[in-house]
Amino acid sequence: MLKNNILAEGEIYTPIFTWNEFIVDGHHRYKIIQKYPEIPFTTYEMPFENEYEVIAWICDNQLGRRNLSDEQKAYLLGKRYSAEKQIKKQRDENGRFAPGGQNDHPEEKLKTSERIAKEIGKSEKHVRRAEQYAQALDLADSICPGIKKDILSGFINS
């Protein structure tokens, strides 16, 4: 369907988002461009500071899609939470984030799980469980490659 839409329009309107020359969003559009190089497209370099910011953004971006199963949503939420905890930890260790200052935003005083829970309208426990679910799926996949894909695609019920 995406391919048909792009061919009908003759242009890709949504840019391919990159970070350090890696595609962070637009893999399917990029594959189509490879087959039809005459189709114009643009790229947009995202201003991330590290891979954790990339992971959090990708997960948040994917969570905005409507066609995700509950398992996919839980996995992405868990990965986002893990990445955002690392971002906050790095900022604390590097001195770029100083809690308690007069210019702090109220969201910065919340724990990462509290902030995300508030943002998505779920409980903090829901966010922490999503991280456990994502970690369990990643571990299972390291032992039995392909099982994560099967679970997230609905081929195997979790």
C-alpha atoms as a PDB file:
ATOM      1  CA  MET A   1       0.000   0.000   0.000  1.00  0.00           C
ATOM      2  CA  LEU A   2       2.803   2.436   0.871  1.00  0.00           C
ATOM      3  CA  LYS A   3       4.541   1.627  -2.398  1.00  0.00           C
ATOM      4  CA  ASN A   4       1.332   2.216  -4.376  1.00  0.00           C
ATOM      5  CA  ASN A   5       0.743   5.552  -2.636  1.00  0.00           C
ATOM      6  CA  ILE A   6       4.294   6.715  -3.314  1.00  0.00           C
ATOM      7  CA  LEU A   7       4.151   5.652  -6.956  1.00  0.00           C
ATOM      8  CA  ALA A   8       0.782   7.368  -7.413  1.00  0.00           C
ATOM      9  CA  GLU A   9       2.034  10.609  -5.828  1.00  0.00           C
ATOM     10  CA  GLY A  10       5.416  10.445  -7.545  1.00  0.00           C
ATOM     11  CA  GLU A  11       7.080  11.846  -4.445  1.00  0.00           C
ATOM     12  CA  ILE A  12       7.791  10.973  -0.840  1.00  0.00           C
ATOM     13  CA  TYR A  13       6.440  13.772   1.315  1.00  0.00           C
ATOM     14  CA  THR A  14       7.576  12.508   4.722  1.00  0.00           C
ATOM     15  CA  PRO A  15      11.336  12.797   5.164  1.00  0.00           C
ATOM     16  CA  ILE A  16      13.530   9.872   6.052  1.00  0.00           C
ATOM     17  CA  PHE A  17      14.773  10.605   9.565  1.00  0.00           C
ATOM     18  CA  THR A  18      18.433   9.866  10.250  1.00  0.00           C
ATOM     19  CA  TRP A  19      20.984  10.112  13.028  1.00  0.00           C
ATOM     20  CA  ASN A  20      24.695   9.849  12.257  1.00  0.00           C
ATOM     21  CA  GLU A  21      23.792   8.534   8.795  1.00  0.00           C
ATOM     22  CA  PHE A  22      21.614   5.728  10.224  1.00  0.00           C
ATOM     23  CA  ILE A  23      17.919   5.629   9.348  1.00  0.00           C
ATOM     24  CA  VAL A  24      15.807   5.961  12.485  1.00  0.00           C
ATOM     25  CA  ASP A  25      12.466   6.239  10.670  1.00  0.00           C
ATOM     26  CA  GLY A  26      11.653   5.574   7.049  1.00  0.00           C
ATOM     27  CA  HIS A  27      13.158   2.159   6.347  1.00  0.00           C
ATOM     28  CA  HIS A  28      10.237   1.117   4.151  1.00  0.00           C
ATOM     29  CA  ARG A  29      10.293   4.405   2.237  1.00  0.00           C
ATOM     30  CA  TYR A  30      14.040   3.981   1.732  1.00  0.00           C
ATOM     31  CA  LYS A  31      13.590   0.470   0.281  1.00  0.00           C
ATOM     32  CA  ILE A  32      11.071   1.857  -2.192  1.00  0.00           C
ATOM     33  CA  ILE A  33      13.486   4.640  -3.172  1.00  0.00           C
ATOM     34  CA  GLN A  34      16.137   2.037  -3.882  1.00  0.00           C
ATOM     35  CA  LYS A  35      13.837   0.425  -6.462  1.00  0.00           C
ATOM     36  CA  TYR A  36      12.608   3.759  -7.876  1.00  0.00           C
ATOM     37  CA  PRO A  37      15.521   6.219  -7.645  1.00  0.00           C
ATOM     38  CA  GLU A  38      13.690   8.804  -9.763  1.00  0.00           C
ATOM     39  CA  ILE A  39      11.252   9.475  -6.901  1.00  0.00           C
ATOM     40  CA  PRO A  40      12.273  12.619  -5.004  1.00  0.00           C
ATOM     41  CA  PHE A  41      12.693  12.441  -1.236  1.00  0.00           C
ATOM     42  CA  THR A  42      14.301  14.341   1.613  1.00  0.00           C
ATOM     43  CA  THR A  43      16.148  13.347   4.748  1.00  0.00           C
ATOM     44  CA  TYR A  44      16.160  15.014   8.120  1.00  0.00           C
ATOM     45  CA  GLU A  45      19.078  14.580  10.519  1.00  0.00           C
ATOM     46  CA  MET A  46      17.749  14.258  14.076  1.00  0.00           C
ATOM     47  CA  PRO A  47      19.670  16.112  16.821  1.00  0.00           C
ATOM     48  CA  PHE A  48      20.123  13.200  19.265  1.00  0.00           C
ATOM     49  CA  GLU A  49      23.023  13.175  21.699  1.00  0.00           C
ATOM     50  CA  ASN A  50      23.271   9.398  22.137  1.00  0.00           C
ATOM     51  CA  GLU A  51      21.757   6.043  21.198  1.00  0.00           C
ATOM     52  CA  TYR A  52      19.390   6.070  24.184  1.00  0.00           C
ATOM     53  CA  GLU A  53      17.727   9.215  22.872  1.00  0.00           C
ATOM     54  CA  VAL A  54      17.401   7.488  19.491  1.00  0.00           C
ATOM     55  CA  ILE A  55      15.787   4.391  21.030  1.00  0.00           C
ATOM     56  CA  ALA A  56      13.380   6.440  23.133  1.00  0.00           C
ATOM     57  CA  TRP A  57      12.347   8.522  20.105  1.00  0.00           C
ATOM     58  CA  ILE A  58      11.867   5.478  17.875  1.00  0.00           C
ATOM     59  CA  CYS A  59       9.723   3.756  20.498  1.00  0.00           C
ATOM     60  CA  ASP A  60       7.649   6.874  21.152  1.00  0.00           C
ATOM     61  CA  ASN A  61       7.213   7.422  17.413  1.00  0.00           C
ATOM     62  CA  GLN A  62       6.109   3.828  16.862  1.00  0.00           C
ATOM     63  CA  LEU A  63       3.737   3.973  19.840  1.00  0.00           C
ATOM     64  CA  GLY A  64       1.906   6.768  18.020  1.00  0.00           C
ATOM     65  CA  ARG A  65       0.759   4.320  15.365  1.00  0.00           C
ATOM     66  CA  ARG A  66      -2.734   2.879  15.594  1.00  0.00           C
ATOM     67  CA  ASN A  67      -2.163  -0.609  14.265  1.00  0.00           C
ATOM     68  CA  LEU A  68      -0.111  -2.052  17.138  1.00  0.00           C
ATOM     69  CA  SER A  69      -1.082  -5.093  19.179  1.00  0.00           C
ATOM     70  CA  ASP A  70      -1.056  -4.921  22.967  1.00  0.00           C
ATOM     71  CA  GLU A  71       2.147  -6.978  22.963  1.00  0.00           C
ATOM     72  CA  GLN A  72       3.852  -4.567  20.572  1.00  0.00           C
ATOM     73  CA  LYS A  73       2.748  -1.572  22.632  1.00  0.00           C
ATOM     74  CA  ALA A  74       4.030  -3.144  25.853  1.00  0.00           C
ATOM     75  CA  TYR A  75       7.363  -4.017  24.246  1.00  0.00           C
ATOM     76  CA  LEU A  76       7.885  -0.524  22.820  1.00  0.00           C
ATOM     77  CA  LEU A  77       6.843   1.109  26.088  1.00  0.00           C
ATOM     78  CA  GLY A  78       9.293  -1.074  28.000  1.00  0.00           C
ATOM     79  CA  LYS A  79      12.146  -0.278  25.611  1.00  0.00           C
ATOM     80  CA  ARG A  80      11.316   3.439  25.772  1.00  0.00           C
ATOM     81  CA  TYR A  81      11.307   3.382  29.572  1.00  0.00           C
ATOM     82  CA  SER A  82      14.670   1.562  29.700  1.00  0.00           C
ATOM     83  CA  ALA A  83      16.211   4.042  27.265  1.00  0.00           C
ATOM     84  CA  GLU A  84      14.851   7.106  29.068  1.00  0.00           C
ATOM     85  CA  LYS A  85      16.227   5.852  32.379  1.00  0.00           C
ATOM     86  CA  GLN A  86      19.655   5.664  30.724  1.00  0.00           C
ATOM     87  CA  ILE A  87      19.270   9.186  29.333  1.00  0.00           C
ATOM     88  CA  LYS A  88      18.467  10.542  32.780  1.00  0.00           C
ATOM     89  CA  LYS A  89      21.349   8.582  34.342  1.00  0.00           C
ATOM     90  CA  GLN A  90      23.810   9.951  31.768  1.00  0.00           C
ATOM     91  CA  ARG A  91      22.616  13.489  32.322  1.00  0.00           C
ATOM     92  CA  ASP A  92      23.045  13.126  36.075  1.00  0.00           C
ATOM     93  CA  GLU A  93      26.554  11.675  35.677  1.00  0.00           C
ATOM     94  CA  ASN A  94      27.626  14.278  33.114  1.00  0.00           C
ATOM     95  CA  GLY A  95      26.286  17.225  35.091  1.00  0.00           C
ATOM     96  CA  ARG A  96      23.982  18.408  32.306  1.00  0.00           C
ATOM     97  CA  PHE A  97      20.915  17.800  34.418  1.00  0.00           C
ATOM     98  CA  ALA A  98      20.899  19.254  37.903  1.00  0.00           C
ATOM     99  CA  PRO A  99      17.781  18.333  39.919  1.00  0.00           C
ATOM    100  CA  GLY A 100      16.473  20.856  42.383  1.00  0.00           C
ATOM    101  CA  GLY A 101      17.436  24.039  40.568  1.00  0.00           C
ATOM    102  CA  GLN A 102      15.121  27.020  40.267  1.00  0.00           C
ATOM    103  CA  ASN A 103      14.666  26.472  36.531  1.00  0.00           C
ATOM    104  CA  ASP A 104      13.555  22.834  36.885  1.00  0.00           C
ATOM    105  CA  HIS A 105      10.373  21.746  35.237  1.00  0.00           C
ATOM    106  CA  PRO A 106       7.972  19.740  37.435  1.00  0.00           C
ATOM    107  CA  GLU A 107       8.314  16.768  35.037  1.00  0.00           C
ATOM    108  CA  GLU A 108      12.060  16.604  35.750  1.00  0.00           C
ATOM    109  CA  LYS A 109      11.387  15.968  39.453  1.00  0.00           C
ATOM    110  CA  LEU A 110       9.271  12.920  38.659  1.00  0.00           C
ATOM    111  CA  LYS A 111      10.819   9.497  38.356  1.00  0.00           C
ATOM    112  CA  THR A 112      11.035   8.407  34.740  1.00  0.00           C
ATOM    113  CA  SER A 113       8.317   5.797  35.238  1.00  0.00           C
ATOM    114  CA  GLU A 114       6.030   8.384  36.857  1.00  0.00           C
ATOM    115  CA  ARG A 115       6.557  10.875  34.052  1.00  0.00           C
ATOM    116  CA  ILE A 116       5.871   8.333  31.308  1.00  0.00           C
ATOM    117  CA  ALA A 117       2.852   6.937  33.173  1.00  0.00           C
ATOM    118  CA  LYS A 118       1.395  10.426  33.501  1.00  0.00           C
ATOM    119  CA  GLU A 119       2.054  11.108  29.823  1.00  0.00           C
ATOM    120  CA  ILE A 120       0.314   7.934  28.584  1.00  0.00           C
ATOM    121  CA  GLY A 121      -2.475   7.851  31.176  1.00  0.00           C
ATOM    122  CA  LYS A 122      -1.406   4.570  32.767  1.00  0.00           C
ATOM    123  CA  SER A 123      -0.016   3.608  36.151  1.00  0.00           C
ATOM    124  CA  GLU A 124       3.648   3.707  37.040  1.00  0.00           C
ATOM    125  CA  LYS A 125       3.410  -0.034  37.687  1.00  0.00           C
ATOM    126  CA  HIS A 126       2.180  -0.529  34.096  1.00  0.00           C
ATOM    127  CA  VAL A 127       5.309   1.205  32.799  1.00  0.00           C
ATOM    128  CA  ARG A 128       7.647  -0.866  34.993  1.00  0.00           C
ATOM    129  CA  ARG A 129       5.898  -4.095  33.965  1.00  0.00           C
ATOM    130  CA  ALA A 130       6.314  -3.132  30.310  1.00  0.00           C
ATOM    131  CA  GLU A 131      10.059  -2.877  30.879  1.00  0.00           C
ATOM    132  CA  GLN A 132      10.088  -6.342  32.452  1.00  0.00           C
ATOM    133  CA  TYR A 133       8.096  -7.684  29.501  1.00  0.00           C
ATOM    134  CA  ALA A 134      10.542  -6.162  26.997  1.00  0.00           C
ATOM    135  CA  GLN A 135      13.537  -7.507  28.908  1.00  0.00           C
ATOM    136  CA  ALA A 136      11.958 -10.974  29.067  1.00  0.00           C
ATOM    137  CA  LEU A 137      11.250 -10.963  25.325  1.00  0.00           C
ATOM    138  CA  ASP A 138      14.807  -9.865  24.550  1.00  0.00           C
ATOM    139  CA  LEU A 139      16.200 -12.595  26.821  1.00  0.00           C
ATOM    140  CA  ALA A 140      13.927 -15.245  25.301  1.00  0.00           C
ATOM    141  CA  ASP A 141      15.033 -14.147  21.830  1.00  0.00           C
ATOM    142  CA  SER A 142      18.708 -14.453  22.796  1.00  0.00           C
ATOM    143  CA  ILE A 143      18.034 -18.072  23.820  1.00  0.00           C
ATOM    144  CA  CYS A 144      15.600 -18.909  21.030  1.00  0.00           C
ATOM    145  CA  PRO A 145      16.177 -16.523  18.106  1.00  0.00           C
ATOM    146  CA  GLY A 146      12.975 -15.507  16.356  1.00  0.00           C
ATOM    147  CA  ILE A 147      10.637 -16.044  19.282  1.00  0.00           C
ATOM    148  CA  LYS A 148      10.333 -12.295  19.960  1.00  0.00           C
ATOM    149  CA  LYS A 149       9.227 -11.696  16.376  1.00  0.00           C
ATOM    150  CA  ASP A 150       6.731 -14.562  16.617  1.00  0.00           C
ATOM    151  CA  ILE A 151       5.250 -13.201  19.852  1.00  0.00           C
ATOM    152  CA  LEU A 152       5.107  -9.587  18.678  1.00  0.00           C
ATOM    153  CA  SER A 153       3.552 -10.586  15.358  1.00  0.00           C
ATOM    154  CA  GLY A 154       0.858 -12.625  17.126  1.00  0.00           C
ATOM    155  CA  PHE A 155       2.066 -15.951  15.709  1.00  0.00           C
ATOM    156  CA  ILE A 156       2.654 -17.106  19.307  1.00  0.00           C
ATOM    157  CA  ASN A 157       0.387 -15.815  22.072  1.00  0.00           C
ATOM    158  CA  SER A 158       2.234 -14.476  25.079  1.00  0.00           C
END
